[in-house]
Protein backbone atom coordinates (compact mmCIF):
# COMPACT_ATOMS: atom_id res chain seq x y z
CA MET A 1 0.06 0.00 0.03
CA LEU A 2 2.84 2.43 0.74
CA ALA A 3 3.97 1.96 -2.90
CA LEU A 4 0.75 3.65 -3.91
CA PHE A 5 1.77 6.82 -2.13
CA THR A 6 5.37 6.88 -3.22
CA HIS A 7 4.82 5.83 -6.92
CA GLY A 8 7.09 7.75 -9.28
CA MET A 9 9.49 8.91 -6.48
CA PRO A 10 13.14 8.35 -6.51
CA ASP A 11 14.01 5.69 -3.91
CA ASP A 12 15.82 8.11 -1.64
CA LEU A 13 12.91 10.50 -1.51
CA ALA A 14 10.49 7.69 -0.95
CA ALA A 15 12.53 6.36 1.95
CA GLU A 16 12.57 9.86 3.50
CA VAL A 17 8.78 10.21 3.23
CA LEU A 18 8.30 6.74 4.78
CA ARG A 19 10.73 7.71 7.62
CA HIS A 20 8.30 10.59 8.54
CA ASP A 21 5.14 8.50 8.28
CA ARG A 22 2.43 9.79 10.61
CA ASP A 23 -1.08 8.40 11.55
CA GLN A 24 -3.82 10.36 9.97
CA SER A 25 -6.83 11.27 11.99
CA GLY A 26 -9.79 9.04 11.43
CA THR A 27 -12.28 11.95 11.58
CA PRO A 28 -12.42 12.76 7.84
CA PHE A 29 -13.33 9.14 7.18
CA GLY A 30 -15.48 8.42 10.21
CA GLN A 31 -17.52 11.66 10.55
CA PRO A 32 -20.06 13.23 8.09
CA TRP A 33 -19.41 16.67 6.56
CA PRO A 34 -20.71 19.03 9.28
CA LEU A 35 -22.28 21.69 7.01
CA PRO A 36 -25.46 21.45 5.05
CA ALA A 37 -23.79 22.56 1.88
CA TRP A 38 -20.34 23.37 0.50
CA PRO A 39 -19.40 27.00 1.35
CA ASP A 40 -20.21 29.64 -1.34
CA VAL A 41 -16.54 30.33 -2.16
CA PRO A 42 -14.65 29.79 -5.42
CA THR A 43 -13.51 26.26 -5.46
CA ARG A 44 -10.79 24.49 -7.52
CA PHE A 45 -9.59 21.03 -7.52
CA VAL A 46 -6.23 19.72 -8.97
CA VAL A 47 -6.22 15.96 -9.85
CA CYS A 48 -2.88 14.22 -10.44
CA ARG A 49 -3.02 12.12 -13.58
CA ASP A 50 -0.70 9.38 -12.24
CA ASP A 51 -2.16 8.91 -8.83
CA ARG A 52 -2.54 5.26 -8.06
CA PHE A 53 -4.06 5.73 -4.63
CA PHE A 54 -6.97 7.86 -5.83
CA PRO A 55 -6.99 7.24 -9.60
CA ALA A 56 -7.70 10.25 -11.83
CA GLY A 57 -10.97 8.83 -13.37
CA PHE A 58 -12.40 8.17 -9.98
CA ILE A 59 -11.50 11.66 -8.74
CA ARG A 60 -12.86 13.30 -11.76
CA GLY A 61 -16.18 11.70 -11.23
CA LEU A 62 -16.26 12.43 -7.58
CA VAL A 63 -15.36 16.10 -8.03
CA ALA A 64 -18.05 16.47 -10.79
CA GLN A 65 -20.66 14.79 -8.48
CA ARG A 66 -19.82 16.42 -5.23
CA LEU A 67 -18.46 19.84 -6.24
CA GLY A 68 -20.15 20.27 -9.65
CA ILE A 69 -16.82 21.35 -11.28
CA THR A 70 -14.28 19.96 -13.58
CA PRO A 71 -10.90 19.57 -12.04
CA ASP A 72 -7.71 20.89 -13.44
CA GLU A 73 -5.00 18.23 -14.06
CA THR A 74 -1.35 18.07 -13.37
CA GLY A 75 1.30 15.31 -13.69
CA GLY A 76 2.47 13.27 -10.72
CA GLY A 77 1.21 10.67 -8.32
CA HIS A 78 -0.26 10.90 -4.91
CA LEU A 79 2.41 13.09 -3.53
CA ALA A 80 2.68 15.41 -6.56
CA ALA A 81 3.89 18.21 -4.21
CA LEU A 82 7.08 16.34 -3.77
CA THR A 83 7.50 14.87 -7.22
CA HIS A 84 6.06 17.54 -9.50
CA HIS A 85 6.37 20.50 -7.26
CA ARG A 86 7.06 23.10 -9.94
CA GLU A 87 4.16 22.00 -12.17
CA LEU A 88 1.79 22.02 -9.19
CA ALA A 89 3.01 25.39 -7.87
CA ASP A 90 2.51 26.80 -11.39
CA GLN A 91 -1.03 25.56 -11.41
CA LEU A 92 -1.77 26.95 -7.96
CA GLU A 93 -0.19 30.37 -8.91
CA ALA A 94 -2.38 30.51 -12.12
CA TYR A 95 -5.46 30.50 -9.86
CA LEU A 96 -4.26 33.83 -8.45
CA LEU A 97 -4.58 35.43 -11.91
CA ASP A 98 -8.07 34.17 -12.51
């Protein structure tokens, strides 16, 4: 399962990520969303084309169904902030110009 998180990473970076592994809170998966609707704010979503943990096709459908938007896409796997940081940062900075 950890290989799903670290897919596409150089071995030394993957080892460093795994060395800092932390338990995630169970709340996001165990509790319902507390608000009756999504807040009325501009919402964007970036899907990573190579994510093996949350495959892009699954995420595209989920985002369309739950948020009513089409996600933007970037390269990289589940941890694109580590493997495709420049591409992801460029996408996020582009939102500031919209």
